Each structure stands twice: as C-alpha cells, then as structure tokens.
Amino acid sequence: MSQYKPEDIHLAPTPRVSNRGHLQFAEDKHDFWSSGNSTNVSISGNQPFEAETTPYSRFIRYFRAEIDITYADLVLIVCGFVSGLVDGLSFNAWGSFSSMQTGNTVFIALGASSQPRYPAYLWAKSLIALCTFISSNIIFTQVSRLLTPRRRSTMMLSFAVQATCLLVAAILVETEIVSPRPEDPRAPIQWMQILPISLLAFQAGGQICASRILAYDEIPTVVLTTLLCDLIVDPDVLAKKNPKRNRRVGAFLALFLGAMTAGGLSKVATMASSLWFAFALKFAITLGWAFWRAEGTGKGDGSIV
C-alpha cells in the first residue's frame, strides 16, 4: 500500500464568485479578497488609503510637492530689485558690492598694486564678499540637490535663509553695531562692516542659485553684463512676442530701480531702511512659495505676456 505524504497533496484553489457572476481564483495564497458579500477584507489595501487621508500625510505631501515654475520669473525679477537695493546701499555706505562680484573682482585686482589708496583695505572687504558669495553658491546648490531643488519646502527654506540674512544685517545697522553712516574713505577701516557685507553676499548666492533651479537662466538677478549682451544679440529682440526678451528687460529695470530706491531712501530715511525693505520682499516671497501652485495642477507657458 502506498503512503501519501503531506507534500504530495495539492489543494485546488478555492473558487469564488465575483459580483459579475464569474469564477475567479486566488493565485496567491496570501491575498485577501473582498467581493460582493464576501467578508474577507484587504487590510493591507485599506491602510495606505487611510494613511494618505490623515491631516499629517496631506501636510507632508503638500510641502513635498514640486512647484510649478510658471510665472516664477516674476519672483526672480523681484529678486533683481532686491539686488539693486542691497548693492546700492552696500557700495554707497561701505564701498563694496555684495551681489555684483565683477566689481569686487576688479577691486581685489587693484588691491594687488595698492590701489586705490582710499578707502584703505577696500580689496579685503571685496575679497571677503567674493569668497562668501562663492561659498553660498556651493552651499545652496548642494543643499537644494539633497532636498530636491524644486520642492515647495526646499524653495521656502532657501528664501527663508536669504530673508534671515537680510534681517540680521538690518538689525546690525539699526542697532548701530555697524555704523549707520556712510564710511569716510580716509578713516581707518571699520571691520564690523564685514558682517553685513558677508550676510548680503551670502543671500545673493541663494538668489542666483534659485534662478538656475527655476530654469530662468536669462534672469541671473545679480549681474547685468551678460543679461544686456544677450538682450542685444537676440535676433528676435523686436518680435511682438518674446518672453526671454521681456524677462531680461524686466530684470534690468528692476535692478536699476532697486539701486535708485536705495539711493533715495538714504536721503530721506535711515541706512537700514533699504535692508528692511529688502527683507520684507524676501519674506513675502518665502510666504508666497507656501501658496504657490504645485506642478501639474494648472496650465501655463511660463511667459510674461
């Protein structure tokens, strides 16, 4: 007599009737089925659905969403205005640029031949601003890549850091830790000026990184030389519709008006007023990203009409 072993016994799959009257088989013995009047419930299927609908999960999903870059060029044009405010103040008060590193590079090169004689150590302030700007680019770029560049939370963090730099610089000048009066070129250098110069250069690095992340290379926000060249050599510069031309013109005017505003505020208000104004704009942008449309939720061509 042959003996049967447990492993020799193959149980046929249990048929079930679907709500359409067809026989179906569970090929995977671990599956849970739920059909018609069946009392079997798919626990593994319900849990993710419930988790996705909790307030916390919706909050996380909202801030992890990538933003729609449509009309983000308007934000960068506002950043250009901030650059004008910052550099107008920085050069007028401390003899050094914070955003435009071309001028600082020239000052450093002149310093190699001890020029200009006044203000003294201009090259040192320019060198610190340039090094801070380069470091800022590295930090903002690497952190953005780590956190996903266009994620809503990443953009908010980037501009929150920039706004904080402007806030601290404004407080330093407002509380007179840094002299609120323009530097006397023939007076000894005031090394405390390095603090606001470094803060302003650091936030400027975040701006130009944002222009690359948002894919609007024609709006660098901190420099005009390349922008003007690209504008002039554009073969469609006179075309009726040319979004890139419009952005370049807007960025140029914004930076120019920002510098004019800084000069005007220095006559009718305190030196810190330009910094407070710049901080308010950056803070508004930071909040704006919290309500910005997520990618894939709307239509647009990303153009300034």
C-alpha atoms as a PDB file:
ATOM      1  CA  MET A   1       0.000   0.000   0.000  1.00  0.00           C
ATOM      2  CA  SER A   2       1.349   3.348  -0.993  1.00  0.00           C
ATOM      3  CA  GLN A   3       1.588   6.035   1.594  1.00  0.00           C
ATOM      4  CA  TYR A   4       0.784   9.657   0.957  1.00  0.00           C
ATOM      5  CA  LYS A   5       2.970  12.371   2.235  1.00  0.00           C
ATOM      6  CA  PRO A   6       1.584  15.802   3.153  1.00  0.00           C
ATOM      7  CA  GLU A   7       3.702  17.441   0.491  1.00  0.00           C
ATOM      8  CA  ASP A   8       2.150  15.214  -2.170  1.00  0.00           C
ATOM      9  CA  ILE A   9      -1.270  16.662  -1.535  1.00  0.00           C
ATOM     10  CA  HIS A  10      -2.123  19.659  -3.752  1.00  0.00           C
ATOM     11  CA  LEU A  11      -5.179  21.563  -2.779  1.00  0.00           C
ATOM     12  CA  ALA A  12      -7.141  23.108  -5.599  1.00  0.00           C
ATOM     13  CA  PRO A  13      -7.614  26.845  -5.386  1.00  0.00           C
ATOM     14  CA  THR A  14     -10.850  27.830  -3.795  1.00  0.00           C
ATOM     15  CA  PRO A  15     -13.213  29.347  -6.320  1.00  0.00           C
ATOM     16  CA  ARG A  16     -15.090  32.498  -5.532  1.00  0.00           C
ATOM     17  CA  VAL A  17     -17.879  34.181  -7.323  1.00  0.00           C
ATOM     18  CA  SER A  18     -17.323  37.767  -8.326  1.00  0.00           C
ATOM     19  CA  ASN A  19     -20.088  40.317  -8.256  1.00  0.00           C
ATOM     20  CA  ARG A  20     -20.365  39.762 -12.023  1.00  0.00           C
ATOM     21  CA  GLY A  21     -21.036  36.025 -11.590  1.00  0.00           C
ATOM     22  CA  HIS A  22     -17.654  34.771 -12.927  1.00  0.00           C
ATOM     23  CA  LEU A  23     -15.492  32.310 -11.103  1.00  0.00           C
ATOM     24  CA  GLN A  24     -12.152  33.675 -10.047  1.00  0.00           C
ATOM     25  CA  PHE A  25      -9.253  32.076  -8.226  1.00  0.00           C
ATOM     26  CA  ALA A  26      -6.835  33.443  -5.722  1.00  0.00           C
ATOM     27  CA  GLU A  27      -3.480  32.543  -7.204  1.00  0.00           C
ATOM     28  CA  ASP A  28      -1.591  33.934  -4.265  1.00  0.00           C
ATOM     29  CA  LYS A  29      -2.489  32.215  -1.023  1.00  0.00           C
ATOM     30  CA  HIS A  30      -1.564  35.406   0.875  1.00  0.00           C
ATOM     31  CA  ASP A  31      -4.139  37.559  -0.908  1.00  0.00           C
ATOM     32  CA  PHE A  32      -7.223  38.854   0.836  1.00  0.00           C
ATOM     33  CA  TRP A  33     -10.295  39.209  -1.295  1.00  0.00           C
ATOM     34  CA  SER A  34     -13.241  41.469  -0.927  1.00  0.00           C
ATOM     35  CA  SER A  35     -16.045  40.987  -3.410  1.00  0.00           C
ATOM     36  CA  GLY A  36     -19.801  41.007  -3.325  1.00  0.00           C
ATOM     37  CA  ASN A  37     -20.977  39.676   0.014  1.00  0.00           C
ATOM     38  CA  SER A  38     -17.578  38.338   0.973  1.00  0.00           C
ATOM     39  CA  THR A  39     -16.470  39.190   4.486  1.00  0.00           C
ATOM     40  CA  ASN A  40     -12.762  38.990   3.622  1.00  0.00           C
ATOM     41  CA  VAL A  41     -11.286  42.470   3.869  1.00  0.00           C
ATOM     42  CA  SER A  42      -7.975  43.593   2.361  1.00  0.00           C
ATOM     43  CA  ILE A  43      -6.303  45.122   5.390  1.00  0.00           C
ATOM     44  CA  SER A  44      -3.107  45.939   3.509  1.00  0.00           C
ATOM     45  CA  GLY A  45      -5.130  47.811   0.900  1.00  0.00           C
ATOM     46  CA  ASN A  46      -7.045  49.955   3.374  1.00  0.00           C
ATOM     47  CA  GLN A  47      -4.147  51.094   5.492  1.00  0.00           C
ATOM     48  CA  PRO A  48      -2.327  53.164   2.825  1.00  0.00           C
ATOM     49  CA  PHE A  49      -5.615  54.775   1.818  1.00  0.00           C
ATOM     50  CA  GLU A  50      -6.329  55.801   5.385  1.00  0.00           C
ATOM     51  CA  ALA A  51      -2.772  56.997   5.893  1.00  0.00           C
ATOM     52  CA  GLU A  52      -2.971  59.196   2.799  1.00  0.00           C
ATOM     53  CA  THR A  53      -6.054  60.984   4.086  1.00  0.00           C
ATOM     54  CA  THR A  54      -4.775  61.992   7.503  1.00  0.00           C
ATOM     55  CA  PRO A  55      -4.071  65.703   8.030  1.00  0.00           C
ATOM     56  CA  TYR A  56      -0.412  64.987   8.709  1.00  0.00           C
ATOM     57  CA  SER A  57       0.047  62.997   5.476  1.00  0.00           C
ATOM     58  CA  ARG A  58      -1.694  65.716   3.452  1.00  0.00           C
ATOM     59  CA  PHE A  59       0.555  68.324   5.073  1.00  0.00           C
ATOM     60  CA  ILE A  60       3.691  66.348   4.238  1.00  0.00           C
ATOM     61  CA  ARG A  61       2.530  65.644   0.692  1.00  0.00           C
ATOM     62  CA  TYR A  62       1.710  69.322   0.128  1.00  0.00           C
ATOM     63  CA  PHE A  63       5.140  70.585   1.142  1.00  0.00           C
ATOM     64  CA  ARG A  64       6.946  67.774  -0.659  1.00  0.00           C
ATOM     65  CA  ALA A  65       5.241  68.659  -3.934  1.00  0.00           C
ATOM     66  CA  GLU A  66       7.331  70.342  -6.613  1.00  0.00           C
ATOM     67  CA  ILE A  67       6.235  73.847  -7.531  1.00  0.00           C
ATOM     68  CA  ASP A  68       5.031  74.920 -10.953  1.00  0.00           C
ATOM     69  CA  ILE A  69       7.642  77.272 -12.415  1.00  0.00           C
ATOM     70  CA  THR A  70       5.019  79.111 -14.462  1.00  0.00           C
ATOM     71  CA  TYR A  71       5.317  82.822 -13.623  1.00  0.00           C
ATOM     72  CA  ALA A  72       8.210  82.138 -11.245  1.00  0.00           C
ATOM     73  CA  ASP A  73      10.142  84.578 -13.434  1.00  0.00           C
ATOM     74  CA  LEU A  74       8.186  87.360 -11.736  1.00  0.00           C
ATOM     75  CA  VAL A  75       9.662  86.275  -8.408  1.00  0.00           C
ATOM     76  CA  LEU A  76      13.177  86.445  -9.860  1.00  0.00           C
ATOM     77  CA  ILE A  77      12.550  89.929 -11.212  1.00  0.00           C
ATOM     78  CA  VAL A  78      11.609  90.994  -7.676  1.00  0.00           C
ATOM     79  CA  CYS A  79      14.890  89.420  -6.550  1.00  0.00           C
ATOM     80  CA  GLY A  80      16.654  91.639  -9.076  1.00  0.00           C
ATOM     81  CA  PHE A  81      15.059  94.636  -7.395  1.00  0.00           C
ATOM     82  CA  VAL A  82      16.401  93.343  -4.065  1.00  0.00           C
ATOM     83  CA  SER A  83      19.885  93.124  -5.584  1.00  0.00           C
ATOM     84  CA  GLY A  84      19.625  96.778  -6.598  1.00  0.00           C
ATOM     85  CA  LEU A  85      18.589  97.735  -3.069  1.00  0.00           C
ATOM     86  CA  VAL A  86      21.385  95.733  -1.488  1.00  0.00           C
ATOM     87  CA  ASP A  87      24.200  96.827  -3.801  1.00  0.00           C
ATOM     88  CA  GLY A  88      23.037 100.431  -3.865  1.00  0.00           C
ATOM     89  CA  LEU A  89      23.301 100.503  -0.089  1.00  0.00           C
ATOM     90  CA  SER A  90      26.460  98.402   0.185  1.00  0.00           C
ATOM     91  CA  PHE A  91      28.535 100.382  -2.299  1.00  0.00           C
ATOM     92  CA  ASN A  92      27.258 103.764  -1.154  1.00  0.00           C
ATOM     93  CA  ALA A  93      27.853 103.040   2.533  1.00  0.00           C
ATOM     94  CA  TRP A  94      30.778 100.622   2.620  1.00  0.00           C
ATOM     95  CA  GLY A  95      32.482 100.968  -0.758  1.00  0.00           C
ATOM     96  CA  SER A  96      31.991  97.312  -1.624  1.00  0.00           C
ATOM     97  CA  PHE A  97      29.482  95.312  -3.657  1.00  0.00           C
ATOM     98  CA  SER A  98      27.516  92.481  -2.097  1.00  0.00           C
ATOM     99  CA  SER A  99      25.815  90.949  -5.129  1.00  0.00           C
ATOM    100  CA  MET A 100      27.782  92.032  -8.215  1.00  0.00           C
ATOM    101  CA  GLN A 101      31.056  90.218  -7.876  1.00  0.00           C
ATOM    102  CA  THR A 102      32.545  91.668 -11.086  1.00  0.00           C
ATOM    103  CA  GLY A 103      33.146  94.966  -9.310  1.00  0.00           C
ATOM    104  CA  ASN A 104      34.603  93.194  -6.292  1.00  0.00           C
ATOM    105  CA  THR A 105      36.973  91.229  -8.515  1.00  0.00           C
ATOM    106  CA  VAL A 106      38.243  94.493 -10.029  1.00  0.00           C
ATOM    107  CA  PHE A 107      38.787  95.953  -6.543  1.00  0.00           C
ATOM    108  CA  ILE A 108      40.734  92.843  -5.500  1.00  0.00           C
ATOM    109  CA  ALA A 109      42.927  93.083  -8.592  1.00  0.00           C
ATOM    110  CA  LEU A 110      43.602  96.778  -7.932  1.00  0.00           C
ATOM    111  CA  GLY A 111      44.496  95.921  -4.351  1.00  0.00           C
ATOM    112  CA  ALA A 112      47.448  93.872  -5.648  1.00  0.00           C
ATOM    113  CA  SER A 113      49.056  97.178  -6.660  1.00  0.00           C
ATOM    114  CA  SER A 114      47.839  99.013  -3.543  1.00  0.00           C
ATOM    115  CA  GLN A 115      45.182 100.876  -5.474  1.00  0.00           C
ATOM    116  CA  PRO A 116      43.104 102.800  -4.754  1.00  0.00           C
ATOM    117  CA  ARG A 117      44.787 104.400  -1.752  1.00  0.00           C
ATOM    118  CA  TYR A 118      41.405 105.312  -0.285  1.00  0.00           C
ATOM    119  CA  PRO A 119      39.406 103.751   1.137  1.00  0.00           C
ATOM    120  CA  ALA A 120      42.027 101.589   2.765  1.00  0.00           C
ATOM    121  CA  TYR A 121      41.598  97.805   2.643  1.00  0.00           C
ATOM    122  CA  LEU A 122      38.844  98.009   0.060  1.00  0.00           C
ATOM    123  CA  TRP A 123      40.320  94.894  -1.516  1.00  0.00           C
ATOM    124  CA  ALA A 124      39.943  92.995   1.764  1.00  0.00           C
ATOM    125  CA  LYS A 125      36.218  93.700   2.023  1.00  0.00           C
ATOM    126  CA  SER A 126      35.751  92.799  -1.634  1.00  0.00           C
ATOM    127  CA  LEU A 127      37.704  89.562  -1.186  1.00  0.00           C
ATOM    128  CA  ILE A 128      35.544  88.542   1.777  1.00  0.00           C
ATOM    129  CA  ALA A 129      32.367  89.336  -0.160  1.00  0.00           C
ATOM    130  CA  LEU A 130      33.541  87.299  -3.161  1.00  0.00           C
ATOM    131  CA  CYS A 131      34.573  84.291  -1.061  1.00  0.00           C
ATOM    132  CA  THR A 132      31.280  84.388   0.829  1.00  0.00           C
ATOM    133  CA  PHE A 133      29.355  84.549  -2.444  1.00  0.00           C
ATOM    134  CA  ILE A 134      31.205  81.520  -3.838  1.00  0.00           C
ATOM    135  CA  SER A 135      30.667  79.572  -0.604  1.00  0.00           C
ATOM    136  CA  SER A 136      26.987  80.493  -0.683  1.00  0.00           C
ATOM    137  CA  ASN A 137      26.624  79.118  -4.202  1.00  0.00           C
ATOM    138  CA  ILE A 138      28.156  75.817  -3.140  1.00  0.00           C
ATOM    139  CA  ILE A 139      26.002  75.522  -0.028  1.00  0.00           C
ATOM    140  CA  PHE A 140      22.703  76.473  -1.665  1.00  0.00           C
ATOM    141  CA  THR A 141      23.369  74.204  -4.651  1.00  0.00           C
ATOM    142  CA  GLN A 142      24.330  71.131  -2.633  1.00  0.00           C
ATOM    143  CA  VAL A 143      21.554  71.502  -0.063  1.00  0.00           C
ATOM    144  CA  SER A 144      18.964  72.045  -2.805  1.00  0.00           C
ATOM    145  CA  ARG A 145      20.103  68.909  -4.598  1.00  0.00           C
ATOM    146  CA  LEU A 146      19.939  66.958  -1.367  1.00  0.00           C
ATOM    147  CA  LEU A 147      16.411  68.136  -0.554  1.00  0.00           C
ATOM    148  CA  THR A 148      15.076  68.104  -4.169  1.00  0.00           C
ATOM    149  CA  PRO A 149      15.549  71.533  -5.786  1.00  0.00           C
ATOM    150  CA  ARG A 150      12.005  72.500  -6.819  1.00  0.00           C
ATOM    151  CA  ARG A 151      10.215  71.023  -3.844  1.00  0.00           C
ATOM    152  CA  ARG A 152       8.000  73.571  -2.091  1.00  0.00           C
ATOM    153  CA  SER A 153       9.736  73.078   1.256  1.00  0.00           C
ATOM    154  CA  THR A 154      13.171  73.459  -0.371  1.00  0.00           C
ATOM    155  CA  MET A 155      12.252  76.758  -2.006  1.00  0.00           C
ATOM    156  CA  MET A 156      10.768  78.047   1.238  1.00  0.00           C
ATOM    157  CA  LEU A 157      13.893  77.068   3.163  1.00  0.00           C
ATOM    158  CA  SER A 158      16.179  78.726   0.619  1.00  0.00           C
ATOM    159  CA  PHE A 159      14.344  82.051   0.682  1.00  0.00           C
ATOM    160  CA  ALA A 160      13.846  81.899   4.449  1.00  0.00           C
ATOM    161  CA  VAL A 161      17.629  81.716   4.851  1.00  0.00           C
ATOM    162  CA  GLN A 162      18.047  84.641   2.451  1.00  0.00           C
ATOM    163  CA  ALA A 163      15.443  86.678   4.329  1.00  0.00           C
ATOM    164  CA  THR A 164      17.131  85.875   7.644  1.00  0.00           C
ATOM    165  CA  CYS A 165      20.465  87.183   6.326  1.00  0.00           C
ATOM    166  CA  LEU A 166      18.785  90.461   5.372  1.00  0.00           C
ATOM    167  CA  LEU A 167      17.036  90.637   8.733  1.00  0.00           C
ATOM    168  CA  VAL A 168      20.251  90.192  10.702  1.00  0.00           C
ATOM    169  CA  ALA A 169      22.047  92.773   8.524  1.00  0.00           C
ATOM    170  CA  ALA A 170      19.207  95.254   9.102  1.00  0.00           C
ATOM    171  CA  ILE A 171      19.352  94.693  12.859  1.00  0.00           C
ATOM    172  CA  LEU A 172      23.130  95.191  12.906  1.00  0.00           C
ATOM    173  CA  VAL A 173      22.753  98.583  11.217  1.00  0.00           C
ATOM    174  CA  GLU A 174      19.588  99.613  13.050  1.00  0.00           C
ATOM    175  CA  THR A 175      21.139  98.934  16.474  1.00  0.00           C
ATOM    176  CA  GLU A 176      24.338 100.723  15.352  1.00  0.00           C
ATOM    177  CA  ILE A 177      26.515  97.677  15.936  1.00  0.00           C
ATOM    178  CA  VAL A 178      27.592  98.621  12.431  1.00  0.00           C
ATOM    179  CA  SER A 179      27.772 102.366  11.882  1.00  0.00           C
ATOM    180  CA  PRO A 180      24.573 103.651  10.206  1.00  0.00           C
ATOM    181  CA  ARG A 181      26.561 106.400   8.479  1.00  0.00           C
ATOM    182  CA  PRO A 182      28.464 106.087   5.197  1.00  0.00           C
ATOM    183  CA  GLU A 183      32.131 105.245   5.568  1.00  0.00           C
ATOM    184  CA  ASP A 184      34.693 108.048   5.463  1.00  0.00           C
ATOM    185  CA  PRO A 185      37.171 106.885   2.789  1.00  0.00           C
ATOM    186  CA  ARG A 186      40.135 108.388   4.650  1.00  0.00           C
ATOM    187  CA  ALA A 187      39.166 106.989   8.052  1.00  0.00           C
ATOM    188  CA  PRO A 188      40.509 103.648   9.315  1.00  0.00           C
ATOM    189  CA  ILE A 189      38.541 100.688   8.069  1.00  0.00           C
ATOM    190  CA  GLN A 190      35.618  99.597  10.250  1.00  0.00           C
ATOM    191  CA  TRP A 191      35.980  95.841  10.306  1.00  0.00           C
ATOM    192  CA  MET A 192      32.438  95.381  11.640  1.00  0.00           C
ATOM    193  CA  GLN A 193      31.237  96.261   8.154  1.00  0.00           C
ATOM    194  CA  ILE A 194      32.373  92.812   7.105  1.00  0.00           C
ATOM    195  CA  LEU A 195      29.415  91.282   8.975  1.00  0.00           C
ATOM    196  CA  PRO A 196      26.595  92.843   6.920  1.00  0.00           C
ATOM    197  CA  ILE A 197      28.656  92.628   3.707  1.00  0.00           C
ATOM    198  CA  SER A 198      29.089  88.876   4.235  1.00  0.00           C
ATOM    199  CA  LEU A 199      25.401  88.376   5.060  1.00  0.00           C
ATOM    200  CA  LEU A 200      24.307  90.272   1.967  1.00  0.00           C
ATOM    201  CA  ALA A 201      26.743  88.373  -0.258  1.00  0.00           C
ATOM    202  CA  PHE A 202      25.528  85.060   1.170  1.00  0.00           C
ATOM    203  CA  GLN A 203      21.886  85.752   0.390  1.00  0.00           C
ATOM    204  CA  ALA A 204      22.844  86.928  -3.104  1.00  0.00           C
ATOM    205  CA  GLY A 205      24.321  83.496  -3.769  1.00  0.00           C
ATOM    206  CA  GLY A 206      20.951  81.957  -2.922  1.00  0.00           C
ATOM    207  CA  GLN A 207      19.260  84.217  -5.461  1.00  0.00           C
ATOM    208  CA  ILE A 208      21.344  83.182  -8.447  1.00  0.00           C
ATOM    209  CA  CYS A 209      21.013  79.512  -7.476  1.00  0.00           C
ATOM    210  CA  ALA A 210      17.235  79.963  -7.452  1.00  0.00           C
ATOM    211  CA  SER A 211      17.331  81.362 -10.991  1.00  0.00           C
ATOM    212  CA  ARG A 212      19.094  78.182 -12.142  1.00  0.00           C
ATOM    213  CA  ILE A 213      16.808  75.877 -10.185  1.00  0.00           C
ATOM    214  CA  LEU A 214      13.728  77.558 -11.668  1.00  0.00           C
ATOM    215  CA  ALA A 215      15.284  77.299 -15.166  1.00  0.00           C
ATOM    216  CA  TYR A 216      15.262  81.031 -15.918  1.00  0.00           C
ATOM    217  CA  ASP A 217      18.928  81.462 -16.786  1.00  0.00           C
ATOM    218  CA  GLU A 218      18.160  84.732 -18.544  1.00  0.00           C
ATOM    219  CA  ILE A 219      17.405  86.299 -15.142  1.00  0.00           C
ATOM    220  CA  PRO A 220      20.583  85.838 -13.064  1.00  0.00           C
ATOM    221  CA  THR A 221      19.268  88.504 -10.591  1.00  0.00           C
ATOM    222  CA  VAL A 222      22.734  89.655  -9.523  1.00  0.00           C
ATOM    223  CA  VAL A 223      24.515  90.676 -12.741  1.00  0.00           C
ATOM    224  CA  LEU A 224      23.634  92.774 -15.786  1.00  0.00           C
ATOM    225  CA  THR A 225      26.559  92.459 -18.196  1.00  0.00           C
ATOM    226  CA  THR A 226      25.596  89.085 -19.664  1.00  0.00           C
ATOM    227  CA  LEU A 227      21.923  89.964 -19.493  1.00  0.00           C
ATOM    228  CA  LEU A 228      22.379  93.108 -21.602  1.00  0.00           C
ATOM    229  CA  CYS A 229      24.600  91.302 -24.103  1.00  0.00           C
ATOM    230  CA  ASP A 230      22.041  88.514 -24.555  1.00  0.00           C
ATOM    231  CA  LEU A 231      19.325  91.117 -24.964  1.00  0.00           C
ATOM    232  CA  ILE A 232      21.187  92.989 -27.695  1.00  0.00           C
ATOM    233  CA  VAL A 233      22.266  89.928 -29.716  1.00  0.00           C
ATOM    234  CA  ASP A 234      18.808  88.348 -29.591  1.00  0.00           C
ATOM    235  CA  PRO A 235      17.702  88.104 -33.277  1.00  0.00           C
ATOM    236  CA  ASP A 236      14.058  88.352 -32.170  1.00  0.00           C
ATOM    237  CA  VAL A 237      14.559  91.339 -29.894  1.00  0.00           C
ATOM    238  CA  LEU A 238      11.911  93.323 -31.800  1.00  0.00           C
ATOM    239  CA  ALA A 239       9.447  90.462 -32.141  1.00  0.00           C
ATOM    240  CA  LYS A 240       5.934  91.030 -30.899  1.00  0.00           C
ATOM    241  CA  LYS A 241       6.106  88.067 -28.527  1.00  0.00           C
ATOM    242  CA  ASN A 242       9.444  87.244 -26.970  1.00  0.00           C
ATOM    243  CA  PRO A 243       9.231  86.066 -23.319  1.00  0.00           C
ATOM    244  CA  LYS A 244      13.004  85.916 -22.789  1.00  0.00           C
ATOM    245  CA  ARG A 245      13.422  89.491 -24.024  1.00  0.00           C
ATOM    246  CA  ASN A 246      10.624  90.615 -21.712  1.00  0.00           C
ATOM    247  CA  ARG A 247      12.267  88.921 -18.739  1.00  0.00           C
ATOM    248  CA  ARG A 248      15.644  90.485 -19.478  1.00  0.00           C
ATOM    249  CA  VAL A 249      14.160  93.950 -19.817  1.00  0.00           C
ATOM    250  CA  GLY A 250      12.154  93.446 -16.642  1.00  0.00           C
ATOM    251  CA  ALA A 251      15.206  92.231 -14.716  1.00  0.00           C
ATOM    252  CA  PHE A 252      17.311  95.175 -15.915  1.00  0.00           C
ATOM    253  CA  LEU A 253      14.678  97.727 -14.943  1.00  0.00           C
ATOM    254  CA  ALA A 254      14.077  96.040 -11.591  1.00  0.00           C
ATOM    255  CA  LEU A 255      17.749  96.151 -10.596  1.00  0.00           C
ATOM    256  CA  PHE A 256      18.094  99.727 -11.832  1.00  0.00           C
ATOM    257  CA  LEU A 257      15.017 100.839  -9.885  1.00  0.00           C
ATOM    258  CA  GLY A 258      16.232  98.957  -6.816  1.00  0.00           C
ATOM    259  CA  ALA A 259      19.514 100.884  -6.809  1.00  0.00           C
ATOM    260  CA  MET A 260      17.645 104.154  -7.336  1.00  0.00           C
ATOM    261  CA  THR A 261      15.365 103.310  -4.423  1.00  0.00           C
ATOM    262  CA  ALA A 262      18.349 102.609  -2.176  1.00  0.00           C
ATOM    263  CA  GLY A 263      19.832 105.999  -3.063  1.00  0.00           C
ATOM    264  CA  GLY A 264      16.546 107.777  -2.431  1.00  0.00           C
ATOM    265  CA  LEU A 265      15.958 106.054   0.896  1.00  0.00           C
ATOM    266  CA  SER A 266      19.454 107.008   2.078  1.00  0.00           C
ATOM    267  CA  LYS A 267      18.431 110.683   1.738  1.00  0.00           C
ATOM    268  CA  VAL A 268      15.026 110.568   3.418  1.00  0.00           C
ATOM    269  CA  ALA A 269      15.393 107.669   5.869  1.00  0.00           C
ATOM    270  CA  THR A 270      17.990 105.679   7.782  1.00  0.00           C
ATOM    271  CA  MET A 271      20.570 103.449   6.147  1.00  0.00           C
ATOM    272  CA  ALA A 272      18.783 100.384   7.483  1.00  0.00           C
ATOM    273  CA  SER A 273      15.569 101.255   5.615  1.00  0.00           C
ATOM    274  CA  SER A 274      16.847  99.669   2.408  1.00  0.00           C
ATOM    275  CA  LEU A 275      17.684  96.493   4.300  1.00  0.00           C
ATOM    276  CA  TRP A 276      14.266  96.400   5.968  1.00  0.00           C
ATOM    277  CA  PHE A 277      12.621  96.848   2.576  1.00  0.00           C
ATOM    278  CA  ALA A 278      14.716  94.059   1.056  1.00  0.00           C
ATOM    279  CA  PHE A 279      13.897  91.788   3.999  1.00  0.00           C
ATOM    280  CA  ALA A 280      10.159  92.445   3.604  1.00  0.00           C
ATOM    281  CA  LEU A 281      10.310  91.464  -0.069  1.00  0.00           C
ATOM    282  CA  LYS A 282      12.249  88.259   0.607  1.00  0.00           C
ATOM    283  CA  PHE A 283       9.930  87.354   3.475  1.00  0.00           C
ATOM    284  CA  ALA A 284       6.899  87.873   1.205  1.00  0.00           C
ATOM    285  CA  ILE A 285       8.475  85.584  -1.405  1.00  0.00           C
ATOM    286  CA  THR A 286       9.082  82.927   1.254  1.00  0.00           C
ATOM    287  CA  LEU A 287       5.407  83.002   2.240  1.00  0.00           C
ATOM    288  CA  GLY A 288       4.424  83.071  -1.419  1.00  0.00           C
ATOM    289  CA  TRP A 289       6.039  79.689  -2.047  1.00  0.00           C
ATOM    290  CA  ALA A 290       3.758  78.202   0.623  1.00  0.00           C
ATOM    291  CA  PHE A 291       0.733  79.020  -1.537  1.00  0.00           C
ATOM    292  CA  TRP A 292       2.347  78.588  -4.955  1.00  0.00           C
ATOM    293  CA  ARG A 293       0.648  76.194  -7.349  1.00  0.00           C
ATOM    294  CA  ALA A 294       2.100  72.701  -7.441  1.00  0.00           C
ATOM    295  CA  GLU A 295       3.447  71.247 -10.658  1.00  0.00           C
ATOM    296  CA  GLY A 296       0.810  69.602 -12.797  1.00  0.00           C
ATOM    297  CA  THR A 297      -2.160  71.393 -11.213  1.00  0.00           C
ATOM    298  CA  GLY A 298      -2.557  74.152 -13.806  1.00  0.00           C
ATOM    299  CA  LYS A 299      -1.746  75.308 -17.295  1.00  0.00           C
ATOM    300  CA  GLY A 300       0.641  77.978 -18.431  1.00  0.00           C
ATOM    301  CA  ASP A 301       3.589  78.621 -20.691  1.00  0.00           C
ATOM    302  CA  GLY A 302       5.742  80.290 -18.087  1.00  0.00           C
ATOM    303  CA  SER A 303       5.860  83.532 -20.028  1.00  0.00           C
ATOM    304  CA  ILE A 304       5.451  87.179 -19.238  1.00  0.00           C
ATOM    305  CA  VAL A 305       2.915  88.431 -21.764  1.00  0.00           C
END
